[in-house]
Amino acid sequence: MNIFERLKLSAKMVAAGWKGESYDFSHWEGRKFWGIDNSNLATNENIFSVISRLSNIFSSLPLKLYQSYDYKTTNTFDVIANNPNHNMTSMELFNKLEVSRNETGNAYAIIFRDIRSQIEKIAPIESAYVMPFINRDDGDLWYKVNGSQTYYFHNMDMLHFKHITGVGRLEGISPLTVLNNTLRFDKAVQDFSLSEMEKKESFVLSYGTNVDEKKRKEIIAHFKRFYAENGGILFKEPGVDITEIKKQYFSSDTIASEQITRARVANVFNVPLFFLNDSEGGSYSSHEQLMIQFVQMTLTPIIRQYEQELNRKLLTQAERMDGFYFKFNIGSLLRGDVTARTAFYQMMIRSAGMKPDEIRQLEDLPPVGGNAEKLWISGDLYPLDLPIAERKTDKGGEKNE
């Protein structure tokens, strides 16, 4: 059996399910090792916040297939946009992939094809079990997947989304690896603060005269009993000094540490500081400006990577040459408030930049057809294709025929 036949067999085996007589991929699911979730995603609030927001926003973006700006539907589009596999929706697939990409630096999904090379399903797998390598025989990128057995997939049968990587790297760099020292420092501060807060009240008892060991024990027992029975109230006797041992917890230290951690997490994940609810992240005159910064700095490179990976591996060369391409719609993130949208739409209609029906689509309203399918130009207003001689103007109450 040659390598291509083995690949087809492997694909069929995995397509049948995660577990069978000669293979077992069931331990790919989940993120637990030795019964414990060891990921920072499950133990650090800032990491959970930034990853959940990135993955939720990205997976909520509408995905469409276009052919030269016209919306199209095909079997491949139905798989990736509606039913990637029998266990999840498209949103859940992209959410899992983006979580894995941000947590481990890499996200993988196997592409299963039928005997006609048509896409049947797409299934995400745990990145810890995948290793990319360059095959010396053909010079192509392959992926080694460790299950109960070892499987190999050509790069055209594996979706791979990753964080930044250099020329000599095949895998993306994990943001959590970069943040290792920051997360350790943050945890140390939290552990110290918590231990100080949980400490019981401590005191120093000073007597003016020396006492023997028996008398000392009686004094301590009497002090503890009196403190417990009187709700923490102590009476100072003559010749006795009571000094409280103060706790070393200062809330300002914790706040400063959290601000430092949030700033470093924001830098590594390339998100604006306001993304982590930090008031020091700057002020914005409108929601639109805030989202423009996020889309331009953070989301656009991520979307571009996903679009190119989908175009290359889910579309054939003939389809790409025929003008087909996948595109995520980020317009909803840049719509601004009602006032800004109204001004933009009016400008676009009056300058023949958009048709009324196109604006209705952006607002999730059904098209009405007729003149709403035409481009208009102010004058005030005419269909763009109406001859100038047939346009009427009203100046000073007079009409020019």
Protein backbone atom coordinates (compact mmCIF):
# COMPACT_ATOMS: atom_id res chain seq x y z
CA MET A 1 0.00 0.00 0.00
CA ASN A 2 1.56 3.30 -1.08
CA ILE A 3 1.41 6.50 0.95
CA PHE A 4 -1.55 7.96 -0.96
CA GLU A 5 -3.61 4.82 -0.42
CA ARG A 6 -2.75 4.92 3.28
CA LEU A 7 -3.84 8.55 3.43
CA LYS A 8 -7.19 7.75 1.83
CA LEU A 9 -7.69 4.89 4.26
CA SER A 10 -6.77 7.10 7.20
CA ALA A 11 -9.19 9.78 6.09
CA LYS A 12 -11.99 7.24 5.74
CA MET A 13 -11.25 5.82 9.17
CA VAL A 14 -11.35 9.18 10.86
CA ALA A 15 -14.44 10.19 8.91
CA ALA A 16 -16.27 7.18 10.31
CA GLY A 17 -15.78 8.43 13.89
CA TRP A 18 -13.24 9.12 16.57
CA LYS A 19 -12.96 5.49 17.64
CA GLY A 20 -12.92 2.13 15.85
CA GLU A 21 -11.42 -1.34 15.96
CA SER A 22 -7.97 -0.30 14.73
CA TYR A 23 -7.83 3.35 15.81
CA ASP A 24 -8.81 5.60 18.71
CA PHE A 25 -8.93 9.40 18.43
CA SER A 26 -11.36 9.88 21.29
CA HIS A 27 -8.67 11.34 23.57
CA TRP A 28 -8.23 14.25 21.15
CA GLU A 29 -11.43 15.79 22.43
CA GLY A 30 -11.15 18.13 25.42
CA ARG A 31 -8.15 19.80 26.97
CA LYS A 32 -7.52 17.61 29.99
CA PHE A 33 -4.36 15.66 30.80
CA TRP A 34 -4.07 13.31 33.81
CA GLY A 35 -7.60 14.40 34.76
CA ILE A 36 -6.64 18.06 35.26
CA ASP A 37 -7.12 21.05 32.98
CA ASN A 38 -3.62 22.50 33.00
CA SER A 39 -4.22 25.33 30.53
CA ASN A 40 -3.98 28.99 31.50
CA LEU A 41 -7.23 29.45 29.62
CA ALA A 42 -9.06 27.78 32.51
CA THR A 43 -7.12 29.43 35.35
CA ASN A 44 -6.38 33.04 34.33
CA GLU A 45 -9.13 35.65 34.02
CA ASN A 46 -7.28 37.93 31.58
CA ILE A 47 -6.35 35.06 29.25
CA PHE A 48 -9.90 33.70 29.33
CA SER A 49 -11.29 37.17 28.63
CA VAL A 50 -9.11 38.05 25.63
CA ILE A 51 -9.36 34.61 24.00
CA SER A 52 -13.10 34.31 24.50
CA ARG A 53 -13.69 37.77 23.05
CA LEU A 54 -11.45 37.20 20.03
CA SER A 55 -12.97 33.79 19.29
CA ASN A 56 -16.56 34.92 19.85
CA ILE A 57 -16.24 38.01 17.66
CA PHE A 58 -14.46 36.14 14.88
CA SER A 59 -16.82 33.14 14.85
CA SER A 60 -19.81 35.51 14.73
CA LEU A 61 -18.71 37.10 11.45
CA PRO A 62 -20.81 36.06 8.43
CA LEU A 63 -18.88 33.96 5.90
CA LYS A 64 -19.90 34.09 2.25
CA LEU A 65 -18.72 32.65 -1.04
CA TYR A 66 -18.47 35.14 -3.90
CA GLN A 67 -17.85 34.97 -7.60
CA SER A 68 -16.74 38.38 -8.84
CA TYR A 69 -18.74 40.15 -6.09
CA ASP A 70 -21.87 38.00 -6.62
CA TYR A 71 -22.99 35.81 -3.72
CA LYS A 72 -22.90 32.08 -4.56
CA THR A 73 -23.84 28.81 -2.85
CA THR A 74 -22.13 25.48 -3.51
CA ASN A 75 -21.75 22.17 -1.70
CA THR A 76 -18.37 23.27 -0.36
CA PHE A 77 -19.85 26.51 0.95
CA ASP A 78 -22.70 24.62 2.65
CA VAL A 79 -20.19 22.42 4.47
CA ILE A 80 -17.97 25.24 5.79
CA ALA A 81 -20.78 27.74 6.45
CA ASN A 82 -23.56 25.53 7.80
CA ASN A 83 -22.66 21.93 8.56
CA PRO A 84 -18.91 21.27 8.82
CA ASN A 85 -19.51 17.90 10.55
CA HIS A 86 -22.26 16.03 12.35
CA ASN A 87 -21.15 17.30 15.77
CA MET A 88 -21.07 21.10 15.42
CA THR A 89 -22.16 24.21 13.60
CA SER A 90 -19.95 26.50 11.57
CA MET A 91 -19.79 29.03 14.40
CA GLU A 92 -18.64 26.38 16.86
CA LEU A 93 -16.00 25.14 14.40
CA PHE A 94 -14.46 28.59 13.93
CA ASN A 95 -14.77 29.31 17.65
CA LYS A 96 -12.83 26.16 18.53
CA LEU A 97 -10.19 26.87 15.88
CA GLU A 98 -9.65 30.44 17.08
CA VAL A 99 -9.48 29.37 20.73
CA SER A 100 -6.86 26.75 19.87
CA ARG A 101 -4.89 29.23 17.73
CA ASN A 102 -4.74 31.75 20.57
CA GLU A 103 -4.07 29.19 23.30
CA THR A 104 -1.44 27.00 21.64
CA GLY A 105 -0.37 29.13 18.66
CA ASN A 106 -1.85 26.62 16.17
CA ALA A 107 -5.28 25.36 15.10
CA TYR A 108 -5.85 22.31 12.90
CA ALA A 109 -8.85 20.83 11.10
CA ILE A 110 -8.86 17.77 8.85
CA ILE A 111 -10.59 18.04 5.46
CA PHE A 112 -12.45 14.85 4.52
CA ARG A 113 -13.25 14.29 0.82
CA ASP A 114 -15.33 11.72 -1.02
CA ILE A 115 -14.16 9.59 -3.94
CA ARG A 116 -14.81 12.54 -6.28
CA SER A 117 -12.57 14.78 -4.12
CA GLN A 118 -15.63 16.76 -3.02
CA ILE A 119 -15.51 18.02 0.57
CA GLU A 120 -17.66 15.95 2.91
CA LYS A 121 -16.78 17.32 6.34
CA ILE A 122 -14.23 19.34 8.31
CA ALA A 123 -13.25 18.31 11.84
CA PRO A 124 -10.97 20.20 14.28
CA ILE A 125 -8.33 18.22 16.18
CA GLU A 126 -6.21 18.94 19.25
CA SER A 127 -3.03 20.74 18.25
CA ALA A 128 -0.94 18.82 20.80
CA TYR A 129 -1.19 15.70 18.62
CA VAL A 130 -0.19 17.31 15.31
CA MET A 131 3.34 17.88 14.03
CA PRO A 132 4.00 19.55 10.66
CA PHE A 133 7.09 18.52 8.70
CA ILE A 134 8.59 18.83 5.21
CA ASN A 135 8.71 15.52 3.37
CA ARG A 136 12.13 15.05 1.79
CA ASP A 137 10.72 12.86 -0.99
CA ASP A 138 8.46 15.49 -2.56
CA GLY A 139 9.37 18.69 -0.65
CA ASP A 140 5.73 19.21 0.38
CA LEU A 141 4.40 20.10 3.80
CA TRP A 142 2.81 17.13 5.59
CA TYR A 143 1.17 16.72 8.99
CA LYS A 144 1.88 13.85 11.33
CA VAL A 145 -1.07 13.07 13.61
CA ASN A 146 -0.55 10.82 16.63
CA GLY A 147 -3.61 8.81 17.64
CA SER A 148 -3.68 5.19 18.67
CA GLN A 149 -1.70 4.94 15.43
CA THR A 150 0.28 7.48 13.42
CA TYR A 151 -1.46 9.15 10.48
CA TYR A 152 -0.11 11.45 7.78
CA PHE A 153 -2.04 14.17 5.94
CA HIS A 154 -0.92 16.30 3.02
CA ASN A 155 -1.14 20.05 3.62
CA MET A 156 -4.07 20.32 1.17
CA ASP A 157 -6.09 18.04 3.47
CA MET A 158 -5.35 19.96 6.66
CA LEU A 159 -6.49 23.47 7.55
CA HIS A 160 -3.76 25.13 9.63
CA PHE A 161 -4.25 28.54 11.26
CA LYS A 162 -1.43 29.93 13.35
CA HIS A 163 0.11 32.88 15.12
CA ILE A 164 3.26 34.52 13.77
CA THR A 165 6.05 32.25 12.61
CA GLY A 166 9.50 32.75 11.10
CA VAL A 167 11.03 31.32 7.95
CA GLY A 168 12.47 28.34 9.80
CA ARG A 169 9.26 27.54 11.68
CA LEU A 170 6.30 25.47 10.55
CA GLU A 171 4.28 26.04 13.72
CA GLY A 172 2.99 29.29 15.16
CA ILE A 173 4.36 30.73 18.40
CA SER A 174 2.00 30.36 21.33
CA PRO A 175 1.07 33.69 22.97
CA LEU A 176 0.91 31.92 26.33
CA THR A 177 4.54 30.85 25.95
CA VAL A 178 5.49 34.48 25.37
CA LEU A 179 3.46 35.47 28.44
CA ASN A 180 4.90 32.73 30.64
CA ASN A 181 6.85 35.03 32.99
CA THR A 182 4.01 37.57 33.14
CA LEU A 183 1.49 34.89 34.08
CA ARG A 184 3.82 33.42 36.70
CA PHE A 185 4.34 36.85 38.27
CA ASP A 186 0.62 37.57 38.24
CA LYS A 187 -0.15 34.22 39.88
CA ALA A 188 2.55 34.78 42.52
CA VAL A 189 1.06 38.16 43.43
CA GLN A 190 -2.43 36.66 43.61
CA ASP A 191 -1.27 33.73 45.76
CA PHE A 192 0.62 36.06 48.14
CA SER A 193 -2.32 38.47 48.44
CA LEU A 194 -4.74 35.62 49.05
CA SER A 195 -2.51 34.04 51.70
CA GLU A 196 -2.19 37.37 53.50
CA MET A 197 -5.95 37.95 53.41
CA GLU A 198 -6.62 34.46 54.82
CA LYS A 199 -4.20 34.83 57.72
CA LYS A 200 -5.73 34.85 61.18
CA GLU A 201 -5.27 37.80 63.48
CA SER A 202 -1.88 37.69 65.25
CA PHE A 203 -0.65 39.56 68.33
CA VAL A 204 2.48 40.06 70.41
CA LEU A 205 1.94 39.88 74.20
CA SER A 206 4.56 41.64 76.29
CA TYR A 207 4.66 41.31 80.10
CA GLY A 208 6.62 43.62 82.37
CA THR A 209 8.00 40.68 84.37
CA ASN A 210 9.44 37.32 83.48
CA VAL A 211 7.08 34.34 83.65
CA ASP A 212 7.84 30.66 83.62
CA GLU A 213 6.70 28.29 80.90
CA LYS A 214 3.62 27.06 82.78
CA LYS A 215 2.45 30.57 83.49
CA ARG A 216 3.13 31.56 79.86
CA LYS A 217 0.86 28.78 78.57
CA GLU A 218 -1.90 29.81 80.98
CA ILE A 219 -1.65 33.41 79.80
CA ILE A 220 -1.83 32.43 76.12
CA ALA A 221 -4.79 30.11 76.72
CA HIS A 222 -6.59 32.79 78.70
CA PHE A 223 -5.90 35.36 75.98
CA LYS A 224 -7.20 33.11 73.19
CA ARG A 225 -10.33 32.16 75.13
CA PHE A 226 -11.11 35.77 76.03
CA TYR A 227 -10.56 36.89 72.41
CA ALA A 228 -12.87 34.16 71.06
CA GLU A 229 -15.63 34.71 73.65
CA ASN A 230 -15.75 38.47 73.27
CA GLY A 231 -15.86 38.82 69.48
CA GLY A 232 -12.24 39.94 69.12
CA ILE A 233 -12.42 42.58 71.91
CA LEU A 234 -9.36 42.67 74.16
CA PHE A 235 -8.78 44.42 77.51
CA LYS A 236 -5.32 45.60 78.24
CA GLU A 237 -4.19 44.79 81.76
CA PRO A 238 -1.58 46.81 83.67
CA GLY A 239 1.91 45.65 82.84
CA VAL A 240 0.78 43.95 79.61
CA ASP A 241 1.38 45.29 76.10
CA ILE A 242 -0.68 43.90 73.20
CA THR A 243 0.70 44.62 69.72
CA GLU A 244 -1.14 43.48 66.60
CA ILE A 245 0.94 41.95 63.83
CA LYS A 246 -0.35 43.72 60.73
CA LYS A 247 -1.06 41.83 57.50
CA GLN A 248 1.16 42.62 54.52
CA TYR A 249 -1.70 42.92 52.04
CA PHE A 250 -2.15 46.17 50.14
CA SER A 251 -4.93 46.39 47.55
CA SER A 252 -2.97 49.00 45.60
CA ASP A 253 -0.23 46.45 44.93
CA THR A 254 -2.75 44.00 43.50
CA ILE A 255 -4.35 46.68 41.31
CA ALA A 256 -0.96 47.78 39.95
CA SER A 257 -0.02 44.17 39.22
CA GLU A 258 -3.30 43.55 37.40
CA GLN A 259 -2.82 46.67 35.26
CA ILE A 260 0.68 45.53 34.28
CA THR A 261 -0.63 42.06 33.42
CA ARG A 262 -3.49 43.42 31.32
CA ALA A 263 -1.14 45.71 29.40
CA ARG A 264 1.25 42.84 28.60
CA VAL A 265 -1.57 40.48 27.62
CA ALA A 266 -3.01 43.16 25.31
CA ASN A 267 0.42 43.68 23.70
CA VAL A 268 1.01 40.00 23.03
CA PHE A 269 -2.48 39.35 21.65
CA ASN A 270 -2.28 42.59 19.66
CA VAL A 271 -5.56 43.96 21.00
CA PRO A 272 -6.30 47.49 22.27
CA LEU A 273 -6.15 47.81 26.04
CA PHE A 274 -9.85 48.68 26.26
CA PHE A 275 -10.48 45.12 25.08
CA LEU A 276 -9.62 43.98 28.62
CA ASN A 277 -11.85 46.60 30.28
CA ASP A 278 -8.90 48.77 31.27
CA SER A 279 -9.85 52.43 31.71
CA GLU A 280 -6.27 53.40 30.85
CA GLY A 281 -6.75 52.13 27.33
CA GLY A 282 -7.55 55.57 25.95
CA SER A 283 -10.70 57.50 25.21
CA TYR A 284 -12.79 57.33 22.05
CA SER A 285 -15.31 59.87 20.81
CA SER A 286 -17.49 57.13 19.32
CA HIS A 287 -18.03 53.38 19.25
CA GLU A 288 -17.12 53.48 15.56
CA GLN A 289 -13.59 54.77 16.23
CA LEU A 290 -13.08 52.14 18.90
CA MET A 291 -14.06 49.31 16.56
CA ILE A 292 -12.02 50.72 13.66
CA GLN A 293 -8.85 50.41 15.74
CA PHE A 294 -9.71 46.85 16.74
CA VAL A 295 -10.59 45.79 13.19
CA GLN A 296 -7.51 47.38 11.61
CA MET A 297 -4.94 46.32 14.22
CA THR A 298 -6.23 42.92 15.25
CA LEU A 299 -9.02 41.41 13.21
CA THR A 300 -7.96 42.12 9.62
CA PRO A 301 -4.73 40.00 9.71
CA ILE A 302 -6.62 37.13 11.36
CA ILE A 303 -9.43 37.24 8.80
CA ARG A 304 -6.98 37.45 5.91
CA GLN A 305 -5.21 34.29 7.09
CA TYR A 306 -8.48 32.35 7.35
CA GLU A 307 -9.72 33.56 3.96
CA GLN A 308 -6.52 32.59 2.15
CA GLU A 309 -6.41 29.18 3.83
CA LEU A 310 -10.02 28.46 2.87
CA ASN A 311 -9.53 29.74 -0.69
CA ARG A 312 -6.43 27.62 -1.23
CA LYS A 313 -7.63 24.35 0.29
CA LEU A 314 -11.41 24.31 -0.15
CA LEU A 315 -11.60 25.75 -3.68
CA THR A 316 -10.10 24.15 -6.75
CA GLN A 317 -7.73 26.07 -9.00
CA ALA A 318 -10.44 26.17 -11.67
CA GLU A 319 -12.89 27.73 -9.20
CA ARG A 320 -10.34 30.34 -8.13
CA MET A 321 -9.55 31.19 -11.75
CA ASP A 322 -13.28 31.54 -12.34
CA GLY A 323 -13.47 34.26 -9.68
CA PHE A 324 -14.65 32.30 -6.62
CA TYR A 325 -13.42 33.37 -3.18
CA PHE A 326 -14.45 33.21 0.49
CA LYS A 327 -14.92 36.43 2.41
CA PHE A 328 -15.82 37.27 6.02
CA ASN A 329 -18.08 40.30 6.34
CA ILE A 330 -16.71 42.81 8.87
CA GLY A 331 -19.09 45.59 7.88
CA SER A 332 -21.29 44.97 10.93
CA LEU A 333 -18.36 45.83 13.21
CA LEU A 334 -17.82 49.18 11.47
CA ARG A 335 -21.39 50.35 11.17
CA GLY A 336 -21.18 52.92 13.96
CA ASP A 337 -24.24 54.40 15.67
CA VAL A 338 -27.54 55.33 14.02
CA THR A 339 -26.48 58.91 13.31
CA ALA A 340 -23.23 57.87 11.63
CA ARG A 341 -24.92 55.16 9.55
CA THR A 342 -27.68 57.52 8.41
CA ALA A 343 -25.19 60.16 7.25
CA PHE A 344 -23.10 57.53 5.43
CA TYR A 345 -26.09 55.99 3.67
CA GLN A 346 -27.42 59.38 2.56
CA MET A 347 -24.04 60.31 1.15
CA MET A 348 -23.71 57.00 -0.70
CA ILE A 349 -27.21 57.23 -2.22
CA ARG A 350 -26.85 60.86 -3.32
CA SER A 351 -23.47 60.19 -4.93
CA ALA A 352 -24.58 56.99 -6.73
CA GLY A 353 -22.27 54.94 -4.53
CA MET A 354 -24.94 52.48 -3.35
CA LYS A 355 -28.42 51.40 -4.32
CA PRO A 356 -31.27 51.70 -1.80
CA ASP A 357 -31.75 47.93 -1.88
CA GLU A 358 -28.06 47.41 -1.03
CA ILE A 359 -28.51 49.60 2.04
CA ARG A 360 -31.61 47.64 3.01
CA GLN A 361 -29.57 44.44 2.86
CA LEU A 362 -26.98 45.93 5.22
CA GLU A 363 -29.79 46.70 7.66
CA ASP A 364 -31.23 43.16 7.33
CA LEU A 365 -34.29 44.41 5.46
CA PRO A 366 -35.75 42.69 2.37
CA PRO A 367 -35.17 44.31 -1.06
CA VAL A 368 -38.15 46.05 -2.64
CA GLY A 369 -36.96 46.18 -6.26
CA GLY A 370 -38.05 48.75 -8.81
CA ASN A 371 -36.30 52.09 -8.40
CA ALA A 372 -34.62 50.76 -5.26
CA GLU A 373 -32.43 48.65 -7.55
CA LYS A 374 -31.15 51.72 -9.38
CA LEU A 375 -28.28 54.09 -8.68
CA TRP A 376 -29.41 57.64 -7.98
CA ILE A 377 -27.63 60.97 -8.17
CA SER A 378 -28.61 64.20 -6.48
CA GLY A 379 -30.29 66.78 -8.49
CA ASP A 380 -32.61 66.03 -6.53
CA LEU A 381 -32.74 62.89 -7.05
CA TYR A 382 -32.59 61.06 -10.40
CA PRO A 383 -31.68 57.58 -11.52
CA LEU A 384 -28.07 57.62 -12.65
CA ASP A 385 -29.02 56.41 -16.14
CA LEU A 386 -31.64 59.15 -16.72
CA PRO A 387 -30.48 61.53 -19.53
CA ILE A 388 -29.57 65.03 -18.36
CA ALA A 389 -32.08 66.58 -20.77
CA GLU A 390 -34.90 64.76 -18.99
CA ARG A 391 -33.88 65.94 -15.54
CA LYS A 392 -35.91 68.74 -14.00
CA THR A 393 -34.63 71.33 -11.56
CA ASP A 394 -36.48 73.83 -9.45
CA LYS A 395 -34.73 77.12 -8.86
CA GLY A 396 -36.57 80.04 -7.34
CA GLY A 397 -39.91 78.39 -7.98
CA GLU A 398 -39.30 78.01 -11.73
CA LYS A 399 -39.03 74.65 -13.41
CA ASN A 400 -36.74 74.08 -16.35
CA GLU A 401 -38.32 71.71 -18.81
